[in-house]
C-alpha atoms as a PDB file:
ATOM      1  CA  MET A   1     119.586  92.387 129.224  1.00  0.00           C
ATOM      2  CA  THR A   2     115.946  91.464 127.071  1.00  0.00           C
ATOM      3  CA  VAL A   3     116.478  89.471 123.476  1.00  0.00           C
ATOM      4  CA  VAL A   4     113.359  89.841 121.020  1.00  0.00           C
ATOM      5  CA  PRO A   5     113.926  87.318 118.457  1.00  0.00           C
ATOM      6  CA  PHE A   6     114.194  88.890 114.671  1.00  0.00           C
ATOM      7  CA  PRO A   7     110.990  87.977 113.166  1.00  0.00           C
ATOM      8  CA  ARG A   8     111.140  84.784 110.841  1.00  0.00           C
ATOM      9  CA  PRO A   9     108.729  83.454 108.736  1.00  0.00           C
ATOM     10  CA  ALA A  10     109.037  79.187 108.578  1.00  0.00           C
ATOM     11  CA  ASN A  11     110.430  79.030 104.999  1.00  0.00           C
ATOM     12  CA  ALA A  12     111.482  81.441 102.987  1.00  0.00           C
ATOM     13  CA  GLN A  13     108.203  82.829 101.551  1.00  0.00           C
ATOM     14  CA  LEU A  14     107.585  85.574  98.532  1.00  0.00           C
ATOM     15  CA  ASP A  15     105.196  88.599  99.219  1.00  0.00           C
ATOM     16  CA  GLY A  16     104.903  91.006  96.295  1.00  0.00           C
ATOM     17  CA  GLY A  17     107.764  89.411  94.606  1.00  0.00           C
ATOM     18  CA  ILE A  18     110.215  89.552  97.099  1.00  0.00           C
ATOM     19  CA  THR A  19     111.285  87.079 100.230  1.00  0.00           C
ATOM     20  CA  HIS A  20     111.578  87.562 103.221  1.00  0.00           C
ATOM     21  CA  GLU A  21     115.399  88.099 102.707  1.00  0.00           C
ATOM     22  CA  GLN A  22     115.429  90.207 100.874  1.00  0.00           C
ATOM     23  CA  ALA A  23     113.150  92.166 101.953  1.00  0.00           C
ATOM     24  CA  ALA A  24     115.370  92.174 105.397  1.00  0.00           C
ATOM     25  CA  GLU A  25     118.293  94.006 103.474  1.00  0.00           C
ATOM     26  CA  VAL A  26     115.639  96.477 102.065  1.00  0.00           C
ATOM     27  CA  PHE A  27     114.702  97.852 105.724  1.00  0.00           C
ATOM     28  CA  ARG A  28     118.329  97.235 106.086  1.00  0.00           C
ATOM     29  CA  ARG A  29     119.440  99.553 103.592  1.00  0.00           C
ATOM     30  CA  PHE A  30     117.084 101.872 104.262  1.00  0.00           C
ATOM     31  CA  CYS A  31     117.228 102.458 107.250  1.00  0.00           C
ATOM     32  CA  GLU A  32     120.618 101.809 108.550  1.00  0.00           C
ATOM     33  CA  GLN A  33     122.552 103.271 105.511  1.00  0.00           C
ATOM     34  CA  GLY A  34     120.036 105.644 104.203  1.00  0.00           C
ATOM     35  CA  GLN A  35     119.430 104.800 100.696  1.00  0.00           C
ATOM     36  CA  ALA A  36     116.267 105.578  98.330  1.00  0.00           C
ATOM     37  CA  ALA A  37     113.563 103.494  97.526  1.00  0.00           C
ATOM     38  CA  PRO A  38     114.639 103.505  93.581  1.00  0.00           C
ATOM     39  CA  THR A  39     117.981 103.026  94.421  1.00  0.00           C
ATOM     40  CA  ILE A  40     117.493 100.101  96.666  1.00  0.00           C
ATOM     41  CA  ALA A  41     115.262  98.841  94.198  1.00  0.00           C
ATOM     42  CA  HIS A  42     117.981  98.813  91.009  1.00  0.00           C
ATOM     43  CA  VAL A  43     120.671  97.446  92.727  1.00  0.00           C
ATOM     44  CA  MET A  44     119.032  94.380  94.594  1.00  0.00           C
ATOM     45  CA  SER A  45     117.332  94.064  91.329  1.00  0.00           C
ATOM     46  CA  VAL A  46     113.738  93.769  93.215  1.00  0.00           C
ATOM     47  CA  PRO A  47     110.496  95.325  91.845  1.00  0.00           C
ATOM     48  CA  TYR A  48     110.292  98.860  92.688  1.00  0.00           C
ATOM     49  CA  GLU A  49     106.592  98.785  93.887  1.00  0.00           C
ATOM     50  CA  SER A  50     107.449  96.118  96.317  1.00  0.00           C
ATOM     51  CA  VAL A  51     110.213  98.138  97.490  1.00  0.00           C
ATOM     52  CA  CYS A  52     107.307 100.767  98.408  1.00  0.00           C
ATOM     53  CA  GLN A  53     104.996  98.308  99.862  1.00  0.00           C
ATOM     54  CA  LEU A  54     107.186  97.036 101.795  1.00  0.00           C
ATOM     55  CA  LEU A  55     108.149 100.200 103.560  1.00  0.00           C
ATOM     56  CA  GLY A  56     105.056 101.501 103.348  1.00  0.00           C
ATOM     57  CA  GLY A  57     104.093  98.381 106.043  1.00  0.00           C
ATOM     58  CA  ALA A  58     101.999  96.696 103.352  1.00  0.00           C
ATOM     59  CA  ILE A  59     103.142  93.960 102.645  1.00  0.00           C
ATOM     60  CA  PHE A  60     105.677  91.970 105.181  1.00  0.00           C
ATOM     61  CA  SER A  61     104.320  93.959 108.053  1.00  0.00           C
ATOM     62  CA  ASP A  62     105.895  91.925 110.565  1.00  0.00           C
ATOM     63  CA  LEU A  63     109.232  93.307 109.117  1.00  0.00           C
ATOM     64  CA  TRP A  64     107.892  96.708 108.835  1.00  0.00           C
ATOM     65  CA  ARG A  65     106.928  96.633 113.006  1.00  0.00           C
ATOM     66  CA  HIS A  66     109.977  95.310 113.741  1.00  0.00           C
ATOM     67  CA  TRP A  67     111.979  97.805 112.345  1.00  0.00           C
ATOM     68  CA  CYS A  68     109.686 101.250 113.046  1.00  0.00           C
ATOM     69  CA  ASN A  69     110.762  99.628 116.766  1.00  0.00           C
ATOM     70  CA  ARG A  70     113.976  99.344 116.308  1.00  0.00           C
ATOM     71  CA  VAL A  71     114.250 102.525 114.787  1.00  0.00           C
ATOM     72  CA  MET A  72     111.619 104.912 116.317  1.00  0.00           C
ATOM     73  CA  PRO A  73     111.407 103.950 119.836  1.00  0.00           C
END
């Protein structure tokens, strides 16, 4: 069995007003729970613009690639 490490930066970095951990949670809510971007932004109290940029791959592109490979094989 091949284990692929989850992409994680050395420190908690802010990109677009959210941290790496928050970005991972946004993807989990979007891909696994099927929540919409406005709902995620409201529940997590993060900027809606950042959620849209994140889901579009403009910020935290490492997470975007990870979730695209996981959800859309």
